[in-house]
Amino acid sequence: MQLGENLSTAAWETALSGASADWTASRVLDSPVVVGATAGRKCRPTSGRVEVCNAAYGNNGWLGLASVWSSGGHIVQATVKLNDTYFNTSSYNTPAWRRSVTCQEVGHTFGLDHQSEDPEVNMGTCMDYHKVPNLSPNQHDYEQLETIYGHLDATTTLAASTAASGRGSSA
């Protein structure tokens, strides 16, 4: 699954590059960073890939937001929005927080959920809400991806039609 880079700073580009390498380390995914096809706050989806964008989306309670479109039980396109409103503050303006949130939101676009939403519980993955950012996926995340993508049908959603049957998002 290609990750479309629509980012405005080198700090975000570094975070996306790290997330790409981490998710590509799974046995079932390849997630290279490619030139993005969208710009600005809207972060429009592109069929067959994930568009990753950053902007000041406001004080709305989320650092990052993944939106996923599916058709026939397969993810066909997705977006990741990274909220500079929070990342421009001293609490979150660190390479670790950028990397952790980018990793988590990209993970959501592959179909993964949080392992824990308790900030006191450290699952050792970017897919949890621990108060100290975890930078990468853990073995459980990779096993979940093998379960999700180890199906036996011949369907591929790479460059799939943009007609999607559903839309959901997670933060």
N, C-alpha and C. Protein backbone atom coordinates (compact mmCIF):
# COMPACT_ATOMS: atom_id res chain seq x y z
N MET A 1 0.85 -1.17 0.00
CA MET A 1 0.00 0.00 0.00
C MET A 1 0.90 1.23 0.00
N GLN A 2 0.80 2.04 -1.02
CA GLN A 2 1.62 3.24 -1.13
C GLN A 2 1.13 4.31 -0.14
N LEU A 3 2.09 5.06 0.40
CA LEU A 3 1.81 6.17 1.29
C LEU A 3 2.12 7.46 0.54
N GLY A 4 1.09 8.21 0.16
CA GLY A 4 1.27 9.46 -0.57
C GLY A 4 1.72 10.57 0.37
N GLU A 5 2.88 11.11 0.12
CA GLU A 5 3.46 12.15 0.99
C GLU A 5 2.99 13.53 0.55
N ASN A 6 2.17 14.14 1.39
CA ASN A 6 1.62 15.48 1.15
C ASN A 6 1.97 16.37 2.35
N LEU A 7 3.20 16.32 2.80
CA LEU A 7 3.61 16.93 4.06
C LEU A 7 4.38 18.22 3.81
N SER A 8 4.26 19.14 4.76
CA SER A 8 4.84 20.47 4.55
C SER A 8 6.16 20.70 5.26
N THR A 9 6.64 19.73 6.06
CA THR A 9 7.90 19.93 6.77
C THR A 9 8.75 18.68 6.73
N ALA A 10 10.05 18.87 6.87
CA ALA A 10 10.99 17.75 6.92
C ALA A 10 10.72 16.89 8.16
N ALA A 11 10.27 17.49 9.25
CA ALA A 11 9.98 16.72 10.47
C ALA A 11 8.90 15.68 10.20
N TRP A 12 7.85 16.06 9.47
CA TRP A 12 6.79 15.10 9.14
C TRP A 12 7.29 14.08 8.13
N GLU A 13 8.10 14.50 7.18
CA GLU A 13 8.63 13.57 6.18
C GLU A 13 9.47 12.49 6.85
N THR A 14 10.26 12.87 7.85
CA THR A 14 11.06 11.90 8.60
C THR A 14 10.16 10.92 9.35
N ALA A 15 9.10 11.44 9.97
CA ALA A 15 8.16 10.57 10.69
C ALA A 15 7.49 9.58 9.75
N LEU A 16 7.10 10.03 8.57
CA LEU A 16 6.45 9.15 7.61
C LEU A 16 7.43 8.10 7.08
N SER A 17 8.65 8.50 6.82
CA SER A 17 9.67 7.56 6.36
C SER A 17 9.88 6.45 7.38
N GLY A 18 9.92 6.81 8.66
CA GLY A 18 10.07 5.81 9.72
C GLY A 18 8.88 4.87 9.80
N ALA A 19 7.68 5.44 9.71
CA ALA A 19 6.47 4.60 9.74
C ALA A 19 6.43 3.65 8.55
N SER A 20 6.81 4.15 7.40
CA SER A 20 6.85 3.32 6.20
C SER A 20 7.78 2.13 6.39
N ALA A 21 8.98 2.38 6.91
CA ALA A 21 9.95 1.31 7.13
C ALA A 21 9.41 0.29 8.15
N ASP A 22 8.78 0.79 9.21
CA ASP A 22 8.25 -0.10 10.24
C ASP A 22 7.15 -1.00 9.70
N TRP A 23 6.19 -0.44 8.98
CA TRP A 23 5.08 -1.25 8.47
C TRP A 23 5.54 -2.18 7.35
N THR A 24 6.52 -1.76 6.57
CA THR A 24 7.06 -2.61 5.51
C THR A 24 7.80 -3.81 6.10
N ALA A 25 8.24 -3.71 7.35
CA ALA A 25 8.92 -4.83 8.01
C ALA A 25 7.99 -6.02 8.26
N SER A 26 6.68 -5.81 8.11
CA SER A 26 5.76 -6.94 8.23
C SER A 26 5.98 -7.89 7.06
N ARG A 27 5.50 -9.11 7.19
CA ARG A 27 5.66 -10.09 6.11
C ARG A 27 4.61 -9.96 5.02
N VAL A 28 3.60 -9.09 5.23
CA VAL A 28 2.49 -9.05 4.28
C VAL A 28 2.26 -7.69 3.63
N LEU A 29 2.98 -6.66 4.07
CA LEU A 29 2.77 -5.33 3.51
C LEU A 29 4.06 -4.74 2.98
N ASP A 30 3.92 -3.94 1.95
CA ASP A 30 4.99 -3.08 1.46
C ASP A 30 4.35 -1.70 1.40
N SER A 31 4.93 -0.74 2.10
CA SER A 31 4.30 0.59 2.16
C SER A 31 5.30 1.68 1.79
N PRO A 32 5.69 1.75 0.52
CA PRO A 32 6.65 2.78 0.11
C PRO A 32 6.02 4.17 0.12
N VAL A 33 6.84 5.17 0.39
CA VAL A 33 6.40 6.56 0.32
C VAL A 33 6.54 7.02 -1.13
N VAL A 34 5.47 7.63 -1.64
CA VAL A 34 5.44 8.14 -3.02
C VAL A 34 4.98 9.59 -2.98
N VAL A 35 5.13 10.29 -4.08
CA VAL A 35 4.66 11.68 -4.18
C VAL A 35 3.15 11.68 -4.01
N GLY A 36 2.67 12.56 -3.14
CA GLY A 36 1.23 12.64 -2.86
C GLY A 36 0.44 13.24 -4.01
N ALA A 37 -0.86 12.99 -3.96
CA ALA A 37 -1.75 13.47 -5.02
C ALA A 37 -2.73 14.51 -4.53
N THR A 38 -2.55 15.02 -3.33
CA THR A 38 -3.47 16.00 -2.76
C THR A 38 -2.67 17.08 -2.06
N ALA A 39 -3.30 18.15 -1.72
CA ALA A 39 -2.59 19.22 -1.01
C ALA A 39 -3.56 19.94 -0.10
N GLY A 40 -3.00 20.53 0.94
CA GLY A 40 -3.81 21.36 1.83
C GLY A 40 -4.60 20.58 2.86
N ARG A 41 -5.47 21.30 3.53
CA ARG A 41 -6.26 20.77 4.65
C ARG A 41 -7.21 19.64 4.27
N LYS A 42 -7.72 19.66 3.05
CA LYS A 42 -8.76 18.69 2.69
C LYS A 42 -8.26 17.27 2.65
N CYS A 43 -7.03 17.05 2.24
CA CYS A 43 -6.43 15.72 2.23
C CYS A 43 -7.36 14.71 1.55
N ARG A 44 -7.56 14.89 0.28
CA ARG A 44 -8.49 14.06 -0.49
C ARG A 44 -7.90 12.66 -0.73
N PRO A 45 -8.74 11.64 -0.65
CA PRO A 45 -8.25 10.28 -0.87
C PRO A 45 -7.94 10.00 -2.34
N THR A 46 -7.08 9.03 -2.55
CA THR A 46 -6.73 8.55 -3.88
C THR A 46 -6.93 7.05 -3.89
N SER A 47 -7.62 6.55 -4.87
CA SER A 47 -7.91 5.12 -4.96
C SER A 47 -6.63 4.29 -4.94
N GLY A 48 -6.62 3.26 -4.10
CA GLY A 48 -5.51 2.33 -4.07
C GLY A 48 -4.34 2.72 -3.20
N ARG A 49 -4.48 3.79 -2.41
CA ARG A 49 -3.37 4.17 -1.54
C ARG A 49 -3.83 5.02 -0.37
N VAL A 50 -2.85 5.37 0.48
CA VAL A 50 -3.08 6.21 1.66
C VAL A 50 -2.45 7.57 1.39
N GLU A 51 -3.23 8.63 1.48
CA GLU A 51 -2.67 9.99 1.39
C GLU A 51 -2.41 10.49 2.81
N VAL A 52 -1.21 10.98 3.07
CA VAL A 52 -0.81 11.45 4.40
C VAL A 52 -0.56 12.95 4.32
N CYS A 53 -1.28 13.72 5.15
CA CYS A 53 -1.25 15.18 5.11
C CYS A 53 -1.07 15.75 6.51
N ASN A 54 -0.59 16.99 6.56
CA ASN A 54 -0.56 17.72 7.83
C ASN A 54 -1.08 19.12 7.60
N ALA A 55 -1.74 19.66 8.62
CA ALA A 55 -2.26 21.03 8.61
C ALA A 55 -2.70 21.36 10.03
N ALA A 56 -2.99 22.62 10.27
CA ALA A 56 -3.55 23.04 11.56
C ALA A 56 -5.06 22.80 11.50
N TYR A 57 -5.49 21.64 11.98
CA TYR A 57 -6.90 21.26 11.92
C TYR A 57 -7.71 21.77 13.12
N GLY A 58 -7.05 22.44 14.06
CA GLY A 58 -7.76 23.05 15.19
C GLY A 58 -7.71 22.23 16.47
N ASN A 59 -8.18 22.85 17.54
CA ASN A 59 -8.24 22.22 18.86
C ASN A 59 -9.48 21.34 18.93
N ASN A 60 -9.38 20.14 18.41
CA ASN A 60 -10.54 19.26 18.28
C ASN A 60 -10.38 17.95 19.02
N GLY A 61 -9.28 17.77 19.75
CA GLY A 61 -9.09 16.58 20.55
C GLY A 61 -8.29 15.47 19.90
N TRP A 62 -7.89 15.63 18.63
CA TRP A 62 -7.10 14.57 18.00
C TRP A 62 -5.77 15.09 17.46
N LEU A 63 -4.74 14.26 17.68
CA LEU A 63 -3.40 14.53 17.14
C LEU A 63 -3.31 14.07 15.69
N GLY A 64 -3.96 12.95 15.42
CA GLY A 64 -3.99 12.38 14.09
C GLY A 64 -5.33 11.72 13.85
N LEU A 65 -5.72 11.66 12.59
CA LEU A 65 -7.02 11.08 12.24
C LEU A 65 -6.87 10.24 10.97
N ALA A 66 -7.27 8.98 11.05
CA ALA A 66 -7.27 8.11 9.88
C ALA A 66 -8.70 7.95 9.39
N SER A 67 -8.89 8.07 8.11
CA SER A 67 -10.19 7.81 7.48
C SER A 67 -9.98 6.71 6.44
N VAL A 68 -10.88 5.73 6.45
CA VAL A 68 -10.72 4.55 5.61
C VAL A 68 -11.99 4.32 4.81
N TRP A 69 -11.85 4.03 3.52
CA TRP A 69 -12.96 3.68 2.65
C TRP A 69 -12.79 2.21 2.28
N SER A 70 -13.90 1.47 2.30
CA SER A 70 -13.81 0.05 1.95
C SER A 70 -14.90 -0.32 0.96
N SER A 71 -14.68 -1.42 0.29
CA SER A 71 -15.65 -1.96 -0.67
C SER A 71 -15.48 -3.47 -0.67
N GLY A 72 -16.56 -4.20 -0.49
CA GLY A 72 -16.50 -5.65 -0.52
C GLY A 72 -15.58 -6.24 0.52
N GLY A 73 -15.47 -5.60 1.68
CA GLY A 73 -14.60 -6.10 2.74
C GLY A 73 -13.13 -5.79 2.57
N HIS A 74 -12.80 -4.94 1.60
CA HIS A 74 -11.40 -4.58 1.35
C HIS A 74 -11.24 -3.07 1.45
N ILE A 75 -10.15 -2.65 2.05
CA ILE A 75 -9.82 -1.22 2.11
C ILE A 75 -9.41 -0.80 0.70
N VAL A 76 -10.03 0.28 0.19
CA VAL A 76 -9.73 0.72 -1.17
C VAL A 76 -8.99 2.06 -1.21
N GLN A 77 -9.10 2.84 -0.15
CA GLN A 77 -8.35 4.10 -0.07
C GLN A 77 -8.43 4.61 1.36
N ALA A 78 -7.50 5.50 1.71
CA ALA A 78 -7.48 6.03 3.07
C ALA A 78 -6.73 7.35 3.10
N THR A 79 -6.98 8.11 4.17
CA THR A 79 -6.21 9.33 4.41
C THR A 79 -5.75 9.35 5.87
N VAL A 80 -4.65 10.03 6.09
CA VAL A 80 -4.14 10.30 7.43
C VAL A 80 -3.96 11.81 7.52
N LYS A 81 -4.60 12.40 8.53
CA LYS A 81 -4.43 13.83 8.80
C LYS A 81 -3.66 13.97 10.12
N LEU A 82 -2.57 14.75 10.08
CA LEU A 82 -1.73 15.00 11.25
C LEU A 82 -1.93 16.45 11.66
N ASN A 83 -2.35 16.66 12.91
CA ASN A 83 -2.85 17.96 13.35
C ASN A 83 -1.76 18.87 13.92
N ASP A 84 -1.29 19.81 13.10
CA ASP A 84 -0.25 20.75 13.51
C ASP A 84 -0.69 21.68 14.64
N THR A 85 -1.97 21.82 14.87
CA THR A 85 -2.42 22.65 15.99
C THR A 85 -1.79 22.15 17.29
N TYR A 86 -1.73 20.84 17.47
CA TYR A 86 -1.11 20.26 18.66
C TYR A 86 0.39 20.10 18.50
N PHE A 87 0.84 19.73 17.31
CA PHE A 87 2.27 19.49 17.12
C PHE A 87 3.08 20.78 17.08
N ASN A 88 2.42 21.92 17.06
CA ASN A 88 3.12 23.20 17.17
C ASN A 88 3.24 23.65 18.62
N THR A 89 2.86 22.80 19.57
CA THR A 89 3.00 23.09 21.00
C THR A 89 4.20 22.32 21.56
N SER A 90 4.75 22.80 22.67
CA SER A 90 5.93 22.14 23.24
C SER A 90 5.65 20.73 23.72
N SER A 91 4.42 20.42 24.08
CA SER A 91 4.09 19.07 24.56
C SER A 91 4.28 18.00 23.48
N TYR A 92 3.96 18.32 22.25
CA TYR A 92 3.97 17.31 21.18
C TYR A 92 4.97 17.57 20.06
N ASN A 93 5.61 18.72 20.06
CA ASN A 93 6.53 19.06 18.97
C ASN A 93 7.88 18.38 19.18
N THR A 94 7.86 17.04 19.11
CA THR A 94 9.08 16.25 19.24
C THR A 94 9.10 15.18 18.15
N PRO A 95 10.28 14.75 17.76
CA PRO A 95 10.34 13.67 16.77
C PRO A 95 9.62 12.40 17.25
N ALA A 96 9.70 12.09 18.54
CA ALA A 96 9.07 10.88 19.06
C ALA A 96 7.55 10.93 18.92
N TRP A 97 6.92 12.04 19.31
CA TRP A 97 5.46 12.14 19.18
C TRP A 97 5.04 12.12 17.71
N ARG A 98 5.77 12.80 16.85
CA ARG A 98 5.42 12.79 15.42
C ARG A 98 5.51 11.36 14.86
N ARG A 99 6.57 10.67 15.20
CA ARG A 99 6.77 9.30 14.70
C ARG A 99 5.68 8.37 15.23
N SER A 100 5.38 8.47 16.51
CA SER A 100 4.39 7.60 17.14
C SER A 100 3.00 7.78 16.53
N VAL A 101 2.57 9.03 16.39
CA VAL A 101 1.24 9.31 15.86
C VAL A 101 1.16 8.93 14.38
N THR A 102 2.20 9.22 13.63
CA THR A 102 2.21 8.83 12.21
C THR A 102 2.12 7.31 12.09
N CYS A 103 2.90 6.60 12.87
CA CYS A 103 2.86 5.14 12.86
C CYS A 103 1.46 4.63 13.19
N GLN A 104 0.83 5.19 14.23
CA GLN A 104 -0.49 4.73 14.64
C GLN A 104 -1.54 4.99 13.57
N GLU A 105 -1.57 6.19 13.03
CA GLU A 105 -2.60 6.51 12.04
C GLU A 105 -2.43 5.70 10.76
N VAL A 106 -1.19 5.49 10.33
CA VAL A 106 -0.96 4.64 9.16
C VAL A 106 -1.41 3.22 9.50
N GLY A 107 -1.13 2.75 10.70
CA GLY A 107 -1.58 1.42 11.12
C GLY A 107 -3.09 1.28 11.05
N HIS A 108 -3.81 2.33 11.44
CA HIS A 108 -5.28 2.29 11.34
C HIS A 108 -5.72 2.11 9.88
N THR A 109 -5.01 2.73 8.95
CA THR A 109 -5.42 2.62 7.54
C THR A 109 -5.20 1.21 6.99
N PHE A 110 -4.42 0.41 7.68
CA PHE A 110 -4.22 -0.99 7.29
C PHE A 110 -5.22 -1.91 7.97
N GLY A 111 -6.09 -1.34 8.82
CA GLY A 111 -7.13 -2.11 9.48
C GLY A 111 -6.88 -2.42 10.94
N LEU A 112 -5.83 -1.87 11.53
CA LEU A 112 -5.51 -2.16 12.93
C LEU A 112 -6.23 -1.19 13.87
N ASP A 113 -6.56 -1.70 15.06
CA ASP A 113 -7.17 -0.90 16.12
C ASP A 113 -6.11 -0.63 17.18
N HIS A 114 -6.49 0.13 18.21
CA HIS A 114 -5.59 0.36 19.35
C HIS A 114 -5.44 -0.93 20.14
N GLN A 115 -4.25 -1.17 20.66
CA GLN A 115 -4.07 -2.30 21.58
C GLN A 115 -4.50 -1.90 22.98
N SER A 116 -4.35 -0.62 23.33
CA SER A 116 -4.80 -0.11 24.62
C SER A 116 -5.06 1.38 24.47
N GLU A 117 -6.11 1.87 25.13
CA GLU A 117 -6.40 3.30 25.15
C GLU A 117 -6.16 3.89 26.54
N ASP A 118 -5.52 3.11 27.41
CA ASP A 118 -5.18 3.55 28.77
C ASP A 118 -3.77 4.11 28.76
N PRO A 119 -3.60 5.41 29.06
CA PRO A 119 -2.26 6.00 29.00
C PRO A 119 -1.27 5.40 30.00
N GLU A 120 -1.78 4.67 31.01
CA GLU A 120 -0.90 4.05 32.00
C GLU A 120 -0.42 2.67 31.56
N VAL A 121 -1.03 2.10 30.52
CA VAL A 121 -0.67 0.76 30.05
C VAL A 121 0.22 0.88 28.82
N ASN A 122 1.41 0.30 28.92
CA ASN A 122 2.35 0.35 27.80
C ASN A 122 2.40 -1.01 27.13
N MET A 123 1.84 -1.09 25.94
CA MET A 123 1.84 -2.33 25.16
C MET A 123 3.09 -2.43 24.27
N GLY A 124 3.93 -1.41 24.29
CA GLY A 124 5.16 -1.45 23.50
C GLY A 124 4.91 -1.32 22.01
N THR A 125 3.87 -0.57 21.64
CA THR A 125 3.52 -0.40 20.24
C THR A 125 3.02 1.02 20.00
N CYS A 126 3.20 1.48 18.78
CA CYS A 126 2.61 2.77 18.42
C CYS A 126 1.10 2.69 18.37
N MET A 127 0.54 1.48 18.43
CA MET A 127 -0.91 1.30 18.36
C MET A 127 -1.56 1.36 19.74
N ASP A 128 -0.86 1.92 20.74
CA ASP A 128 -1.49 2.16 22.04
C ASP A 128 -1.46 3.65 22.35
N TYR A 129 -2.10 4.03 23.44
CA TYR A 129 -2.17 5.44 23.86
C TYR A 129 -1.26 5.72 25.05
N HIS A 130 -0.16 5.02 25.18
CA HIS A 130 0.71 5.22 26.33
C HIS A 130 1.17 6.66 26.42
N LYS A 131 1.34 7.15 27.65
CA LYS A 131 1.71 8.56 27.87
C LYS A 131 3.10 8.88 27.35
N VAL A 132 3.93 7.87 27.16
CA VAL A 132 5.23 8.04 26.52
C VAL A 132 5.12 7.41 25.14
N PRO A 133 5.44 8.15 24.09
CA PRO A 133 5.21 7.62 22.74
C PRO A 133 6.07 6.40 22.42
N ASN A 134 5.41 5.37 21.88
CA ASN A 134 6.11 4.22 21.31
C ASN A 134 6.25 4.49 19.82
N LEU A 135 7.41 4.24 19.28
CA LEU A 135 7.72 4.68 17.93
C LEU A 135 7.34 3.69 16.84
N SER A 136 7.15 2.42 17.18
CA SER A 136 7.01 1.39 16.16
C SER A 136 5.93 0.38 16.53
N PRO A 137 5.52 -0.43 15.56
CA PRO A 137 4.60 -1.53 15.84
C PRO A 137 5.31 -2.61 16.68
N ASN A 138 4.52 -3.51 17.26
CA ASN A 138 5.11 -4.66 17.95
C ASN A 138 4.73 -5.94 17.21
N GLN A 139 5.17 -7.08 17.73
CA GLN A 139 4.92 -8.36 17.07
C GLN A 139 3.43 -8.64 16.92
N HIS A 140 2.63 -8.25 17.92
CA HIS A 140 1.18 -8.45 17.84
C HIS A 140 0.60 -7.72 16.63
N ASP A 141 1.07 -6.51 16.37
CA ASP A 141 0.59 -5.76 15.21
C ASP A 141 0.89 -6.52 13.92
N TYR A 142 2.11 -7.04 13.81
CA TYR A 142 2.48 -7.78 12.60
C TYR A 142 1.64 -9.06 12.46
N GLU A 143 1.36 -9.72 13.58
CA GLU A 143 0.52 -10.92 13.54
C GLU A 143 -0.90 -10.57 13.10
N GLN A 144 -1.42 -9.44 13.58
CA GLN A 144 -2.75 -9.01 13.16
C GLN A 144 -2.79 -8.72 11.66
N LEU A 145 -1.75 -8.10 11.14
CA LEU A 145 -1.69 -7.83 9.70
C LEU A 145 -1.68 -9.14 8.90
N GLU A 146 -0.96 -10.15 9.41
CA GLU A 146 -0.95 -11.45 8.73
C GLU A 146 -2.35 -12.06 8.71
N THR A 147 -3.10 -11.88 9.78
CA THR A 147 -4.47 -12.38 9.83
C THR A 147 -5.35 -11.62 8.84
N ILE A 148 -5.22 -10.29 8.84
CA ILE A 148 -6.06 -9.45 7.97
C ILE A 148 -5.75 -9.70 6.50
N TYR A 149 -4.47 -9.77 6.15
CA TYR A 149 -4.08 -9.83 4.75
C TYR A 149 -3.72 -11.24 4.27
N GLY A 150 -3.89 -12.24 5.12
CA GLY A 150 -3.59 -13.60 4.74
C GLY A 150 -4.79 -14.32 4.15
N HIS A 151 -5.74 -13.59 3.59
CA HIS A 151 -6.93 -14.22 3.02
C HIS A 151 -6.60 -14.91 1.70
N LEU A 152 -7.50 -15.75 1.29
CA LEU A 152 -7.22 -16.59 0.13
C LEU A 152 -7.86 -16.11 -1.16
N ASP A 153 -8.65 -15.03 -1.12
CA ASP A 153 -9.25 -14.59 -2.38
C ASP A 153 -8.22 -13.84 -3.22
N ALA A 154 -8.56 -13.61 -4.45
CA ALA A 154 -7.61 -13.00 -5.39
C ALA A 154 -7.80 -11.49 -5.50
N THR A 155 -8.61 -10.91 -4.61
CA THR A 155 -8.91 -9.48 -4.70
C THR A 155 -7.70 -8.64 -4.31
N THR A 156 -7.46 -7.61 -5.10
CA THR A 156 -6.47 -6.60 -4.76
C THR A 156 -7.17 -5.25 -4.84
N THR A 157 -6.81 -4.35 -3.93
CA THR A 157 -7.43 -3.02 -3.96
C THR A 157 -6.46 -1.97 -4.46
N LEU A 158 -5.29 -2.39 -4.85
CA LEU A 158 -4.33 -1.45 -5.41
C LEU A 158 -4.91 -0.86 -6.68
N ALA A 159 -5.03 0.45 -6.73
CA ALA A 159 -5.61 1.17 -7.86
C ALA A 159 -7.05 0.76 -8.11
N ALA A 160 -7.77 0.50 -7.00
CA ALA A 160 -9.18 0.09 -7.11
C ALA A 160 -10.06 1.27 -7.45
N SER A 161 -11.27 0.98 -7.82
CA SER A 161 -12.26 2.00 -8.12
C SER A 161 -12.51 2.86 -6.90
N THR A 162 -12.84 4.13 -7.09
CA THR A 162 -13.11 5.02 -5.97
C THR A 162 -14.52 4.86 -5.43
N ALA A 163 -15.34 4.05 -6.03
CA ALA A 163 -16.69 3.81 -5.53
C ALA A 163 -16.59 2.92 -4.30
N ALA A 164 -16.73 3.50 -3.13
CA ALA A 164 -16.59 2.76 -1.89
C ALA A 164 -17.93 2.63 -1.19
N SER A 165 -18.14 1.50 -0.56
CA SER A 165 -19.42 1.25 0.08
C SER A 165 -19.51 1.83 1.47
N GLY A 166 -18.41 2.18 2.07
CA GLY A 166 -18.48 2.69 3.42
C GLY A 166 -17.31 3.58 3.75
N ARG A 167 -17.48 4.36 4.78
CA ARG A 167 -16.41 5.22 5.23
C ARG A 167 -16.41 5.24 6.73
N GLY A 168 -15.27 5.06 7.30
CA GLY A 168 -15.15 5.14 8.74
C GLY A 168 -13.89 5.87 9.08
N SER A 169 -13.75 6.25 10.32
CA SER A 169 -12.52 6.90 10.75
C SER A 169 -12.20 6.50 12.17
N SER A 170 -10.95 6.63 12.51
CA SER A 170 -10.52 6.37 13.86
C SER A 170 -9.43 7.35 14.21
N ALA A 171 -9.31 7.64 15.47
CA ALA A 171 -8.32 8.61 15.90
C ALA A 171 -7.39 8.02 16.92
